[in-house]
Amino acid sequence: MTTYDHNRKISINKTHLFFHWILFVLISFVQIVVSMYTLSDRPSGDITFNFYQDVLVGALIVSVFYSLLLLVVLRIQSFGIQVVIHSLIVIVLWFYEDL
């Protein structure tokens, strides 16, 4: 493998990771808004309460953990095991966010 091929493979992986991250943030935002909308009129602990801003901040914070765990999951060779572990990670992170 030449240096060019190696660098191209790394950039594709970074792009792949970035698109996973963006998709996770968008879907997390929608999922949290839908699941927590009944509580949207209740303030959180913040004085400058804004439901959608709080949801976005929560989705971004959880997405950091998602990105780190995704780096580990993408190294697994078996695609089936990747799907199972990835699904479990998403379920746990969304449960935590809804909690």
Protein backbone atom coordinates (compact mmCIF):
# COMPACT_ATOMS: atom_id res chain seq x y z
CA MET A 1 0.00 0.00 0.00
CA THR A 2 1.45 3.34 -1.00
CA THR A 3 1.48 6.38 1.23
CA TYR A 4 -1.22 7.98 -0.92
CA ASP A 5 -3.52 4.98 -0.48
CA HIS A 6 -2.89 4.93 3.26
CA ASN A 7 -3.65 8.67 3.61
CA ARG A 8 -6.78 8.31 1.46
CA LYS A 9 -8.02 5.43 3.62
CA ILE A 10 -7.51 7.52 6.77
CA SER A 11 -9.38 10.48 5.29
CA ILE A 12 -12.29 8.25 4.26
CA ASN A 13 -12.47 6.90 7.81
CA LYS A 14 -12.51 10.44 9.23
CA THR A 15 -15.25 11.43 6.79
CA HIS A 16 -17.20 8.29 7.64
CA LEU A 17 -16.88 9.08 11.35
CA PHE A 18 -17.95 12.70 10.79
CA PHE A 19 -21.10 11.68 8.92
CA HIS A 20 -21.95 9.14 11.65
CA TRP A 21 -21.53 11.91 14.23
CA ILE A 22 -23.70 14.43 12.34
CA LEU A 23 -26.41 11.83 11.77
CA PHE A 24 -26.31 10.83 15.44
CA VAL A 25 -26.65 14.46 16.60
CA LEU A 26 -29.60 15.11 14.28
CA ILE A 27 -31.44 11.91 15.15
CA SER A 28 -30.67 12.38 18.85
CA PHE A 29 -32.11 15.88 18.76
CA VAL A 30 -35.33 14.66 17.15
CA GLN A 31 -35.57 11.63 19.44
CA ILE A 32 -35.10 13.72 22.59
CA VAL A 33 -37.57 16.40 21.47
CA VAL A 34 -40.22 13.77 20.72
CA SER A 35 -39.70 11.85 23.94
CA MET A 36 -39.39 14.89 26.23
CA TYR A 37 -41.87 17.27 24.58
CA THR A 38 -44.46 16.77 27.34
CA LEU A 39 -41.90 18.27 29.74
CA SER A 40 -40.99 21.20 27.48
CA ASP A 41 -42.87 23.75 29.60
CA ARG A 42 -41.02 22.77 32.78
CA PRO A 43 -37.73 24.56 33.32
CA SER A 44 -34.56 22.62 33.83
CA GLY A 45 -32.07 23.80 36.43
CA ASP A 46 -31.00 26.66 34.16
CA ILE A 47 -32.25 30.22 34.71
CA THR A 48 -32.13 30.96 30.97
CA PHE A 49 -34.42 28.04 30.18
CA ASN A 50 -34.86 27.16 26.53
CA PHE A 51 -36.06 23.62 25.85
CA TYR A 52 -34.58 23.27 22.37
CA GLN A 53 -31.24 24.74 23.40
CA ASP A 54 -31.02 22.33 26.33
CA VAL A 55 -31.87 19.42 24.04
CA LEU A 56 -29.21 20.47 21.52
CA VAL A 57 -26.56 20.80 24.23
CA GLY A 58 -27.52 17.40 25.62
CA ALA A 59 -27.35 15.81 22.16
CA LEU A 60 -23.91 17.34 21.54
CA ILE A 61 -22.56 16.16 24.89
CA VAL A 62 -23.82 12.61 24.35
CA SER A 63 -22.43 12.66 20.81
CA VAL A 64 -18.90 13.05 22.19
CA PHE A 65 -19.25 9.72 23.99
CA TYR A 66 -20.83 8.26 20.86
CA SER A 67 -17.85 9.31 18.74
CA LEU A 68 -15.35 7.79 21.12
CA LEU A 69 -17.24 4.52 21.31
CA LEU A 70 -17.74 4.52 17.53
CA LEU A 71 -13.96 4.53 17.08
CA VAL A 72 -13.83 1.26 18.99
CA VAL A 73 -16.85 -0.28 17.24
CA LEU A 74 -15.52 0.44 13.74
CA ARG A 75 -12.38 -1.58 14.51
CA ILE A 76 -14.40 -4.78 14.98
CA GLN A 77 -14.06 -7.02 11.93
CA SER A 78 -17.45 -8.74 12.02
CA PHE A 79 -20.21 -6.49 10.65
CA GLY A 80 -22.91 -8.36 12.58
CA ILE A 81 -21.15 -7.76 15.89
CA GLN A 82 -20.63 -4.11 14.89
CA VAL A 83 -24.37 -3.67 14.35
CA VAL A 84 -25.28 -5.28 17.67
CA ILE A 85 -22.75 -3.29 19.70
CA HIS A 86 -23.56 -0.07 17.85
CA SER A 87 -27.27 -0.56 18.52
CA LEU A 88 -26.65 -1.21 22.22
CA ILE A 89 -24.50 1.92 22.47
CA VAL A 90 -27.18 4.07 20.85
CA ILE A 91 -29.90 2.61 23.09
CA VAL A 92 -27.87 3.25 26.25
CA LEU A 93 -26.92 6.80 25.23
CA TRP A 94 -30.49 7.73 24.30
CA PHE A 95 -31.80 6.20 27.52
CA TYR A 96 -29.27 8.26 29.46
CA GLU A 97 -30.24 11.40 27.57
CA ASP A 98 -33.95 10.84 28.21
CA LEU A 99 -33.27 10.16 31.86
